[in-house]
PDB file of all heavy atoms in Angstrom:
ATOM      1  N   ASP A   1      86.947  97.472 101.699  1.00  0.00           N
ATOM      2  CA  ASP A   1      88.037  98.442 101.536  1.00  0.00           C
ATOM      3  C   ASP A   1      88.977  97.937 100.462  1.00  0.00           C
ATOM      4  O   ASP A   1      89.871  97.147 100.737  1.00  0.00           O
ATOM      5  CB  ASP A   1      88.806  98.631 102.848  1.00  0.00           C
ATOM      6  CG  ASP A   1      87.939  99.217 103.934  1.00  0.00           C
ATOM      7  OD1 ASP A   1      87.028  99.994 103.595  1.00  0.00           O
ATOM      8  OD2 ASP A   1      88.155  98.878 105.096  1.00  0.00           O
ATOM      9  N   ASN A   2      88.753  98.383  99.237  1.00  0.00           N
ATOM     10  CA  ASN A   2      89.654  97.940  98.188  1.00  0.00           C
ATOM     11  C   ASN A   2      89.714  98.999  97.107  1.00  0.00           C
ATOM     12  O   ASN A   2      88.796  99.811  97.000  1.00  0.00           O
ATOM     13  CB  ASN A   2      89.256  96.539  97.705  1.00  0.00           C
ATOM     14  CG  ASN A   2      88.099  96.460  96.732  1.00  0.00           C
ATOM     15  OD1 ASN A   2      88.318  96.322  95.555  1.00  0.00           O
ATOM     16  ND2 ASN A   2      86.873  96.529  97.207  1.00  0.00           N
ATOM     17  N   PRO A   3      90.779  99.119  96.319  1.00  0.00           N
ATOM     18  CA  PRO A   3      91.864  98.145  96.277  1.00  0.00           C
ATOM     19  C   PRO A   3      92.714  98.208  97.541  1.00  0.00           C
ATOM     20  O   PRO A   3      92.772  99.236  98.205  1.00  0.00           O
ATOM     21  CB  PRO A   3      92.675  98.538  95.042  1.00  0.00           C
ATOM     22  CG  PRO A   3      92.406  99.991  94.861  1.00  0.00           C
ATOM     23  CD  PRO A   3      91.001 100.226  95.384  1.00  0.00           C
ATOM     24  N   ILE A   4      93.357  97.106  97.816  1.00  0.00           N
ATOM     25  CA  ILE A   4      94.209  97.026  98.997  1.00  0.00           C
ATOM     26  C   ILE A   4      95.386  96.110  98.702  1.00  0.00           C
ATOM     27  O   ILE A   4      95.272  95.156  97.938  1.00  0.00           O
ATOM     28  CB  ILE A   4      93.396  96.529 100.221  1.00  0.00           C
ATOM     29  CG1 ILE A   4      94.178  96.708 101.506  1.00  0.00           C
ATOM     30  CG2 ILE A   4      92.958  95.107 100.038  1.00  0.00           C
ATOM     31  CD1 ILE A   4      93.328  96.598 102.755  1.00  0.00           C
ATOM     32  N   ASP A   5      96.530  96.435  99.279  1.00  0.00           N
ATOM     33  CA  ASP A   5      97.713  95.601  99.118  1.00  0.00           C
ATOM     34  C   ASP A   5      97.671  94.470 100.134  1.00  0.00           C
ATOM     35  O   ASP A   5      97.262  94.660 101.280  1.00  0.00           O
ATOM     36  CB  ASP A   5      98.989  96.421  99.334  1.00  0.00           C
ATOM     37  CG  ASP A   5      99.229  97.422  98.214  1.00  0.00           C
ATOM     38  OD1 ASP A   5      98.719  97.204  97.101  1.00  0.00           O
ATOM     39  OD2 ASP A   5      99.917  98.420  98.448  1.00  0.00           O
ATOM     40  N   HIS A   6      98.073  93.301  99.690  1.00  0.00           N
ATOM     41  CA  HIS A   6      98.106  92.115 100.538  1.00  0.00           C
ATOM     42  C   HIS A   6      99.489  91.488 100.484  1.00  0.00           C
ATOM     43  O   HIS A   6     100.101  91.453  99.427  1.00  0.00           O
ATOM     44  CB  HIS A   6      97.106  91.051 100.052  1.00  0.00           C
ATOM     45  CG  HIS A   6      95.693  91.456 100.213  1.00  0.00           C
ATOM     46  ND1 HIS A   6      94.970  91.203 101.346  1.00  0.00           N
ATOM     47  CD2 HIS A   6      94.857  92.110  99.369  1.00  0.00           C
ATOM     48  CE1 HIS A   6      93.749  91.672 101.197  1.00  0.00           C
ATOM     49  NE2 HIS A   6      93.652  92.230 100.005  1.00  0.00           N
ATOM     50  N   GLU A   7      99.912  90.971 101.635  1.00  0.00           N
ATOM     51  CA  GLU A   7     101.130  90.177 101.641  1.00  0.00           C
ATOM     52  C   GLU A   7     100.738  88.734 101.346  1.00  0.00           C
ATOM     53  O   GLU A   7      99.774  88.217 101.897  1.00  0.00           O
ATOM     54  CB  GLU A   7     101.835  90.258 102.981  1.00  0.00           C
ATOM     55  CG  GLU A   7     103.153  89.497 102.969  1.00  0.00           C
ATOM     56  CD  GLU A   7     103.933  89.688 104.242  1.00  0.00           C
ATOM     57  OE1 GLU A   7     103.677  88.930 105.192  1.00  0.00           O
ATOM     58  OE2 GLU A   7     104.767  90.591 104.280  1.00  0.00           O
ATOM     59  N   VAL A   8     101.470  88.117 100.457  1.00  0.00           N
ATOM     60  CA  VAL A   8     101.210  86.742 100.050  1.00  0.00           C
ATOM     61  C   VAL A   8     102.441  85.915 100.367  1.00  0.00           C
ATOM     62  O   VAL A   8     103.558  86.322 100.055  1.00  0.00           O
ATOM     63  CB  VAL A   8     100.919  86.673  98.528  1.00  0.00           C
ATOM     64  CG1 VAL A   8     100.730  85.238  98.084  1.00  0.00           C
ATOM     65  CG2 VAL A   8      99.709  87.519  98.176  1.00  0.00           C
ATOM     66  N   LEU A   9     102.223  84.768 100.996  1.00  0.00           N
ATOM     67  CA  LEU A   9     103.308  83.812 101.185  1.00  0.00           C
ATOM     68  C   LEU A   9     103.152  82.771 100.097  1.00  0.00           C
ATOM     69  O   LEU A   9     102.105  82.151  99.959  1.00  0.00           O
ATOM     70  CB  LEU A   9     103.238  83.165 102.566  1.00  0.00           C
ATOM     71  CG  LEU A   9     103.449  84.119 103.732  1.00  0.00           C
ATOM     72  CD1 LEU A   9     103.273  83.383 105.051  1.00  0.00           C
ATOM     73  CD2 LEU A   9     104.817  84.763 103.667  1.00  0.00           C
ATOM     74  N   GLY A  10     104.168  82.607  99.291  1.00  0.00           N
ATOM     75  CA  GLY A  10     103.995  81.767  98.115  1.00  0.00           C
ATOM     76  C   GLY A  10     105.122  80.788  97.932  1.00  0.00           C
ATOM     77  O   GLY A  10     105.963  80.646  98.797  1.00  0.00           O
ATOM     78  N   PRO A  11     105.077  80.144  96.795  1.00  0.00           N
ATOM     79  CA  PRO A  11     104.228  80.459  95.653  1.00  0.00           C
ATOM     80  C   PRO A  11     102.770  80.088  95.903  1.00  0.00           C
ATOM     81  O   PRO A  11     102.466  79.157  96.637  1.00  0.00           O
ATOM     82  CB  PRO A  11     104.813  79.629  94.513  1.00  0.00           C
ATOM     83  CG  PRO A  11     105.488  78.489  95.173  1.00  0.00           C
ATOM     84  CD  PRO A  11     105.960  78.996  96.507  1.00  0.00           C
ATOM     85  N   LYS A  12     101.873  80.869  95.261  1.00  0.00           N
ATOM     86  CA  LYS A  12     100.444  80.671  95.442  1.00  0.00           C
ATOM     87  C   LYS A  12      99.720  81.070  94.162  1.00  0.00           C
ATOM     88  O   LYS A  12     100.080  82.054  93.532  1.00  0.00           O
ATOM     89  CB  LYS A  12      99.973  81.535  96.601  1.00  0.00           C
ATOM     90  CG  LYS A  12      98.590  81.249  97.069  1.00  0.00           C
ATOM     91  CD  LYS A  12      98.389  81.870  98.435  1.00  0.00           C
ATOM     92  CE  LYS A  12      99.220  81.074  99.419  1.00  0.00           C
ATOM     93  NZ  LYS A  12      99.261  81.527 100.735  1.00  0.00           N
ATOM     94  N   THR A  13      98.696  80.303  93.806  1.00  0.00           N
ATOM     95  CA  THR A  13      97.876  80.661  92.647  1.00  0.00           C
ATOM     96  C   THR A  13      96.805  81.668  93.072  1.00  0.00           C
ATOM     97  O   THR A  13      96.527  81.834  94.268  1.00  0.00           O
ATOM     98  CB  THR A  13      97.164  79.432  92.046  1.00  0.00           C
ATOM     99  OG1 THR A  13      96.231  78.921  93.010  1.00  0.00           O
ATOM    100  CG2 THR A  13      98.154  78.353  91.624  1.00  0.00           C
ATOM    101  N   ILE A  14      96.191  82.288  92.079  1.00  0.00           N
ATOM    102  CA  ILE A  14      95.077  83.194  92.361  1.00  0.00           C
ATOM    103  C   ILE A  14      93.987  82.431  93.103  1.00  0.00           C
ATOM    104  O   ILE A  14      93.444  82.914  94.095  1.00  0.00           O
ATOM    105  CB  ILE A  14      94.532  83.794  91.058  1.00  0.00           C
ATOM    106  CG1 ILE A  14      95.568  84.736  90.434  1.00  0.00           C
ATOM    107  CG2 ILE A  14      93.211  84.522  91.298  1.00  0.00           C
ATOM    108  CD1 ILE A  14      95.238  85.220  89.038  1.00  0.00           C
ATOM    109  N   ARG A  15      93.677  81.229  92.654  1.00  0.00           N
ATOM    110  CA  ARG A  15      92.646  80.397  93.290  1.00  0.00           C
ATOM    111  C   ARG A  15      92.953  80.174  94.772  1.00  0.00           C
ATOM    112  O   ARG A  15      92.090  80.317  95.635  1.00  0.00           O
ATOM    113  CB  ARG A  15      92.548  79.058  92.563  1.00  0.00           C
ATOM    114  CG  ARG A  15      91.546  78.097  93.160  1.00  0.00           C
ATOM    115  CD  ARG A  15      91.501  76.758  92.442  1.00  0.00           C
ATOM    116  NE  ARG A  15      91.650  76.738  91.137  1.00  0.00           N
ATOM    117  CZ  ARG A  15      91.023  77.068  89.975  1.00  0.00           C
ATOM    118  NH1 ARG A  15      90.309  77.312  89.872  1.00  0.00           N
ATOM    119  NH2 ARG A  15      91.136  77.105  88.787  1.00  0.00           N
ATOM    120  N   GLU A  16      94.189  79.815  95.092  1.00  0.00           N
ATOM    121  CA  GLU A  16      94.589  79.576  96.486  1.00  0.00           C
ATOM    122  C   GLU A  16      94.494  80.856  97.305  1.00  0.00           C
ATOM    123  O   GLU A  16      94.039  80.834  98.456  1.00  0.00           O
ATOM    124  CB  GLU A  16      96.011  79.025  96.529  1.00  0.00           C
ATOM    125  CG  GLU A  16      96.131  77.631  95.959  1.00  0.00           C
ATOM    126  CD  GLU A  16      97.571  77.216  95.700  1.00  0.00           C
ATOM    127  OE1 GLU A  16      98.435  78.083  95.407  1.00  0.00           O
ATOM    128  OE2 GLU A  16      97.830  76.006  95.773  1.00  0.00           O
ATOM    129  N   PHE A  17      94.927  81.956  96.720  1.00  0.00           N
ATOM    130  CA  PHE A  17      94.877  83.243  97.413  1.00  0.00           C
ATOM    131  C   PHE A  17      93.435  83.634  97.738  1.00  0.00           C
ATOM    132  O   PHE A  17      93.126  84.026  98.859  1.00  0.00           O
ATOM    133  CB  PHE A  17      95.559  84.311  96.553  1.00  0.00           C
ATOM    134  CG  PHE A  17      95.414  85.700  97.092  1.00  0.00           C
ATOM    135  CD1 PHE A  17      96.077  86.086  98.241  1.00  0.00           C
ATOM    136  CD2 PHE A  17      94.614  86.629  96.448  1.00  0.00           C
ATOM    137  CE1 PHE A  17      95.949  87.373  98.750  1.00  0.00           C
ATOM    138  CE2 PHE A  17      94.479  87.911  96.932  1.00  0.00           C
ATOM    139  CZ  PHE A  17      95.149  88.283  98.087  1.00  0.00           C
ATOM    140  N   LEU A  18      92.540  83.522  96.754  1.00  0.00           N
ATOM    141  CA  LEU A  18      91.143  83.880  96.975  1.00  0.00           C
ATOM    142  C   LEU A  18      90.495  82.969  98.011  1.00  0.00           C
ATOM    143  O   LEU A  18      89.723  83.424  98.860  1.00  0.00           O
ATOM    144  CB  LEU A  18      90.364  83.842  95.658  1.00  0.00           C
ATOM    145  CG  LEU A  18      90.780  84.890  94.628  1.00  0.00           C
ATOM    146  CD1 LEU A  18      90.010  84.697  93.336  1.00  0.00           C
ATOM    147  CD2 LEU A  18      90.612  86.299  95.170  1.00  0.00           C
ATOM    148  N   ARG A  19      90.826  81.699  97.974  1.00  0.00           N
ATOM    149  CA  ARG A  19      90.297  80.752  98.967  1.00  0.00           C
ATOM    150  C   ARG A  19      90.737  81.179 100.378  1.00  0.00           C
ATOM    151  O   ARG A  19      89.943  81.156 101.317  1.00  0.00           O
ATOM    152  CB  ARG A  19      90.787  79.344  98.651  1.00  0.00           C
ATOM    153  CG  ARG A  19      90.120  78.265  99.485  1.00  0.00           C
ATOM    154  CD  ARG A  19      90.573  76.862  99.101  1.00  0.00           C
ATOM    155  NE  ARG A  19      90.347  76.589  97.690  1.00  0.00           N
ATOM    156  CZ  ARG A  19      91.250  76.055  96.873  1.00  0.00           C
ATOM    157  NH1 ARG A  19      92.432  75.693  97.316  1.00  0.00           N
ATOM    158  NH2 ARG A  19      90.966  75.837  95.609  1.00  0.00           N
ATOM    159  N   GLU A  20      91.994  81.574 100.514  1.00  0.00           N
ATOM    160  CA  GLU A  20      92.505  82.060 101.813  1.00  0.00           C
ATOM    161  C   GLU A  20      91.734  83.268 102.309  1.00  0.00           C
ATOM    162  O   GLU A  20      91.560  83.458 103.503  1.00  0.00           O
ATOM    163  CB  GLU A  20      93.976  82.480 101.667  1.00  0.00           C
ATOM    164  CG  GLU A  20      94.947  81.456 102.073  1.00  0.00           C
ATOM    165  CD  GLU A  20      96.372  81.996 102.005  1.00  0.00           C
ATOM    166  OE1 GLU A  20      96.591  83.217 101.940  1.00  0.00           O
ATOM    167  OE2 GLU A  20      97.275  81.166 102.011  1.00  0.00           O
ATOM    168  N   LYS A  21      91.293  84.108 101.380  1.00  0.00           N
ATOM    169  CA  LYS A  21      90.570  85.332 101.730  1.00  0.00           C
ATOM    170  C   LYS A  21      89.084  85.084 101.946  1.00  0.00           C
ATOM    171  O   LYS A  21      88.327  85.997 102.238  1.00  0.00           O
ATOM    172  CB  LYS A  21      90.760  86.408 100.653  1.00  0.00           C
ATOM    173  CG  LYS A  21      92.196  86.840 100.485  1.00  0.00           C
ATOM    174  CD  LYS A  21      92.723  87.436 101.766  1.00  0.00           C
ATOM    175  CE  LYS A  21      94.180  87.817 101.667  1.00  0.00           C
ATOM    176  NZ  LYS A  21      94.750  88.166 102.954  1.00  0.00           N
ATOM    177  N   GLY A  22      88.644  83.817 101.764  1.00  0.00           N
ATOM    178  CA  GLY A  22      87.252  83.468 102.004  1.00  0.00           C
ATOM    179  C   GLY A  22      86.322  83.793 100.852  1.00  0.00           C
ATOM    180  O   GLY A  22      85.103  83.828 101.030  1.00  0.00           O
ATOM    181  N   ILE A  23      86.865  84.023  99.671  1.00  0.00           N
ATOM    182  CA  ILE A  23      86.059  84.353  98.498  1.00  0.00           C
ATOM    183  C   ILE A  23      85.761  83.056  97.745  1.00  0.00           C
ATOM    184  O   ILE A  23      86.674  82.392  97.268  1.00  0.00           O
ATOM    185  CB  ILE A  23      86.802  85.362  97.594  1.00  0.00           C
ATOM    186  CG1 ILE A  23      87.075  86.629  98.391  1.00  0.00           C
ATOM    187  CG2 ILE A  23      86.001  85.641  96.330  1.00  0.00           C
ATOM    188  CD1 ILE A  23      88.030  87.592  97.722  1.00  0.00           C
ATOM    189  N   PRO A  24      84.484  82.679  97.644  1.00  0.00           N
ATOM    190  CA  PRO A  24      84.133  81.410  96.998  1.00  0.00           C
ATOM    191  C   PRO A  24      84.480  81.407  95.511  1.00  0.00           C
ATOM    192  O   PRO A  24      84.221  82.367  94.794  1.00  0.00           O
ATOM    193  CB  PRO A  24      82.619  81.301  97.181  1.00  0.00           C
ATOM    194  CG  PRO A  24      82.204  82.412  98.054  1.00  0.00           C
ATOM    195  CD  PRO A  24      83.318  83.388  98.142  1.00  0.00           C
ATOM    196  N   GLU A  25      85.040  80.316  95.080  1.00  0.00           N
ATOM    197  CA  GLU A  25      85.463  80.193  93.686  1.00  0.00           C
ATOM    198  C   GLU A  25      84.295  80.348  92.722  1.00  0.00           C
ATOM    199  O   GLU A  25      84.434  80.942  91.658  1.00  0.00           O
ATOM    200  CB  GLU A  25      86.137  78.840  93.480  1.00  0.00           C
ATOM    201  CG  GLU A  25      86.782  78.693  92.135  1.00  0.00           C
ATOM    202  CD  GLU A  25      87.592  77.411  92.022  1.00  0.00           C
ATOM    203  OE1 GLU A  25      88.006  76.854  93.044  1.00  0.00           O
ATOM    204  OE2 GLU A  25      87.805  76.988  90.883  1.00  0.00           O
ATOM    205  N   ASP A  26      83.122  79.852  93.100  1.00  0.00           N
ATOM    206  CA  ASP A  26      81.984  79.935  92.191  1.00  0.00           C
ATOM    207  C   ASP A  26      81.413  81.349  92.069  1.00  0.00           C
ATOM    208  O   ASP A  26      80.556  81.605  91.220  1.00  0.00           O
ATOM    209  CB  ASP A  26      80.889  78.940  92.576  1.00  0.00           C
ATOM    210  CG  ASP A  26      80.294  79.183  93.945  1.00  0.00           C
ATOM    211  OD1 ASP A  26      80.758  80.081  94.678  1.00  0.00           O
ATOM    212  OD2 ASP A  26      79.344  78.469  94.303  1.00  0.00           O
ATOM    213  N   ALA A  27      81.894  82.289  92.889  1.00  0.00           N
ATOM    214  CA  ALA A  27      81.469  83.684  92.782  1.00  0.00           C
ATOM    215  C   ALA A  27      82.336  84.470  91.796  1.00  0.00           C
ATOM    216  O   ALA A  27      82.007  85.587  91.421  1.00  0.00           O
ATOM    217  CB  ALA A  27      81.510  84.352  94.151  1.00  0.00           C
ATOM    218  N   VAL A  28      83.459  83.879  91.395  1.00  0.00           N
ATOM    219  CA  VAL A  28      84.431  84.565  90.538  1.00  0.00           C
ATOM    220  C   VAL A  28      84.239  84.155  89.082  1.00  0.00           C
ATOM    221  O   VAL A  28      84.203  82.972  88.761  1.00  0.00           O
ATOM    222  CB  VAL A  28      85.870  84.234  90.993  1.00  0.00           C
ATOM    223  CG1 VAL A  28      86.892  84.814  90.042  1.00  0.00           C
ATOM    224  CG2 VAL A  28      86.097  84.741  92.411  1.00  0.00           C
ATOM    225  N   ALA A  29      84.132  85.166  88.211  1.00  0.00           N
ATOM    226  CA  ALA A  29      83.976  84.882  86.781  1.00  0.00           C
ATOM    227  C   ALA A  29      85.228  85.235  85.989  1.00  0.00           C
ATOM    228  O   ALA A  29      85.621  84.504  85.095  1.00  0.00           O
ATOM    229  CB  ALA A  29      82.783  85.650  86.217  1.00  0.00           C
ATOM    230  N   ILE A  30      85.848  86.358  86.315  1.00  0.00           N
ATOM    231  CA  ILE A  30      86.983  86.844  85.522  1.00  0.00           C
ATOM    232  C   ILE A  30      88.106  87.300  86.446  1.00  0.00           C
ATOM    233  O   ILE A  30      87.872  88.033  87.408  1.00  0.00           O
ATOM    234  CB  ILE A  30      86.569  88.016  84.616  1.00  0.00           C
ATOM    235  CG1 ILE A  30      85.485  87.568  83.624  1.00  0.00           C
ATOM    236  CG2 ILE A  30      87.769  88.585  83.861  1.00  0.00           C
ATOM    237  CD1 ILE A  30      84.868  88.691  82.828  1.00  0.00           C
ATOM    238  N   CYS A  31      89.321  86.875  86.117  1.00  0.00           N
ATOM    239  CA  CYS A  31      90.525  87.308  86.823  1.00  0.00           C
ATOM    240  C   CYS A  31      91.388  88.098  85.829  1.00  0.00           C
ATOM    241  O   CYS A  31      91.709  87.587  84.757  1.00  0.00           O
ATOM    242  CB  CYS A  31      91.327  86.115  87.330  1.00  0.00           C
ATOM    243  SG  CYS A  31      90.437  85.039  88.459  1.00  0.00           S
ATOM    244  N   ILE A  32      91.754  89.295  86.215  1.00  0.00           N
ATOM    245  CA  ILE A  32      92.642  90.127  85.411  1.00  0.00           C
ATOM    246  C   ILE A  32      93.904  90.363  86.239  1.00  0.00           C
ATOM    247  O   ILE A  32      93.830  90.844  87.365  1.00  0.00           O
ATOM    248  CB  ILE A  32      92.000  91.498  85.072  1.00  0.00           C
ATOM    249  CG1 ILE A  32      90.642  91.327  84.400  1.00  0.00           C
ATOM    250  CG2 ILE A  32      92.946  92.352  84.245  1.00  0.00           C
ATOM    251  CD1 ILE A  32      90.673  90.812  82.995  1.00  0.00           C
ATOM    252  N   CYS A  33      95.044  89.995  85.690  1.00  0.00           N
ATOM    253  CA  CYS A  33      96.313  90.192  86.388  1.00  0.00           C
ATOM    254  C   CYS A  33      97.212  91.059  85.508  1.00  0.00           C
ATOM    255  O   CYS A  33      97.493  90.681  84.359  1.00  0.00           O
ATOM    256  CB  CYS A  33      96.970  88.854  86.690  1.00  0.00           C
ATOM    257  SG  CYS A  33      98.430  88.995  87.740  1.00  0.00           S
ATOM    258  N   ASN A  34      97.588  92.211  86.021  1.00  0.00           N
ATOM    259  CA  ASN A  34      98.443  93.154  85.293  1.00  0.00           C
ATOM    260  C   ASN A  34      97.871  93.489  83.922  1.00  0.00           C
ATOM    261  O   ASN A  34      98.588  93.608  82.937  1.00  0.00           O
ATOM    262  CB  ASN A  34      99.864  92.604  85.174  1.00  0.00           C
ATOM    263  CG  ASN A  34     100.471  92.287  86.519  1.00  0.00           C
ATOM    264  OD1 ASN A  34     100.229  92.985  87.503  1.00  0.00           O
ATOM    265  ND2 ASN A  34     101.212  91.206  86.599  1.00  0.00           N
ATOM    266  N   GLY A  35      96.532  93.601  83.864  1.00  0.00           N
ATOM    267  CA  GLY A  35      95.868  94.004  82.636  1.00  0.00           C
ATOM    268  C   GLY A  35      95.519  92.886  81.679  1.00  0.00           C
ATOM    269  O   GLY A  35      94.895  93.127  80.651  1.00  0.00           O
ATOM    270  N   ASP A  36      95.885  91.646  81.993  1.00  0.00           N
ATOM    271  CA  ASP A  36      95.601  90.510  81.112  1.00  0.00           C
ATOM    272  C   ASP A  36      94.621  89.550  81.776  1.00  0.00           C
ATOM    273  O   ASP A  36      94.763  89.232  82.963  1.00  0.00           O
ATOM    274  CB  ASP A  36      96.881  89.732  80.792  1.00  0.00           C
ATOM    275  CG  ASP A  36      97.876  90.551  79.990  1.00  0.00           C
ATOM    276  OD1 ASP A  36      97.449  91.299  79.094  1.00  0.00           O
ATOM    277  OD2 ASP A  36      99.089  90.437  80.276  1.00  0.00           O
ATOM    278  N   LYS A  37      93.656  89.058  81.004  1.00  0.00           N
ATOM    279  CA  LYS A  37      92.739  88.043  81.517  1.00  0.00           C
ATOM    280  C   LYS A  37      93.530  86.747  81.698  1.00  0.00           C
ATOM    281  O   LYS A  37      94.241  86.315  80.788  1.00  0.00           O
ATOM    282  CB  LYS A  37      91.584  87.826  80.548  1.00  0.00           C
ATOM    283  CG  LYS A  37      90.543  86.867  81.075  1.00  0.00           C
ATOM    284  CD  LYS A  37      89.378  86.740  80.114  1.00  0.00           C
ATOM    285  CE  LYS A  37      88.399  85.710  80.652  1.00  0.00           C
ATOM    286  NZ  LYS A  37      87.285  85.494  79.726  1.00  0.00           N
ATOM    287  N   VAL A  38      93.410  86.159  82.890  1.00  0.00           N
ATOM    288  CA  VAL A  38      94.184  84.959  83.213  1.00  0.00           C
ATOM    289  C   VAL A  38      93.298  83.925  83.895  1.00  0.00           C
ATOM    290  O   VAL A  38      92.218  84.229  84.379  1.00  0.00           O
ATOM    291  CB  VAL A  38      95.387  85.291  84.135  1.00  0.00           C
ATOM    292  CG1 VAL A  38      96.375  86.217  83.453  1.00  0.00           C
ATOM    293  CG2 VAL A  38      94.917  85.876  85.462  1.00  0.00           C
TER     294      VAL A  38
END
């Protein structure tokens, strides 16, 4: 079910957030934040 809004307790990096959600880092190739590759 996505896109979906998430509450984040931070500060937190994208890497930390994805790890919390159970998404393996080696499965991720590209991160886009607010339209910019980051």
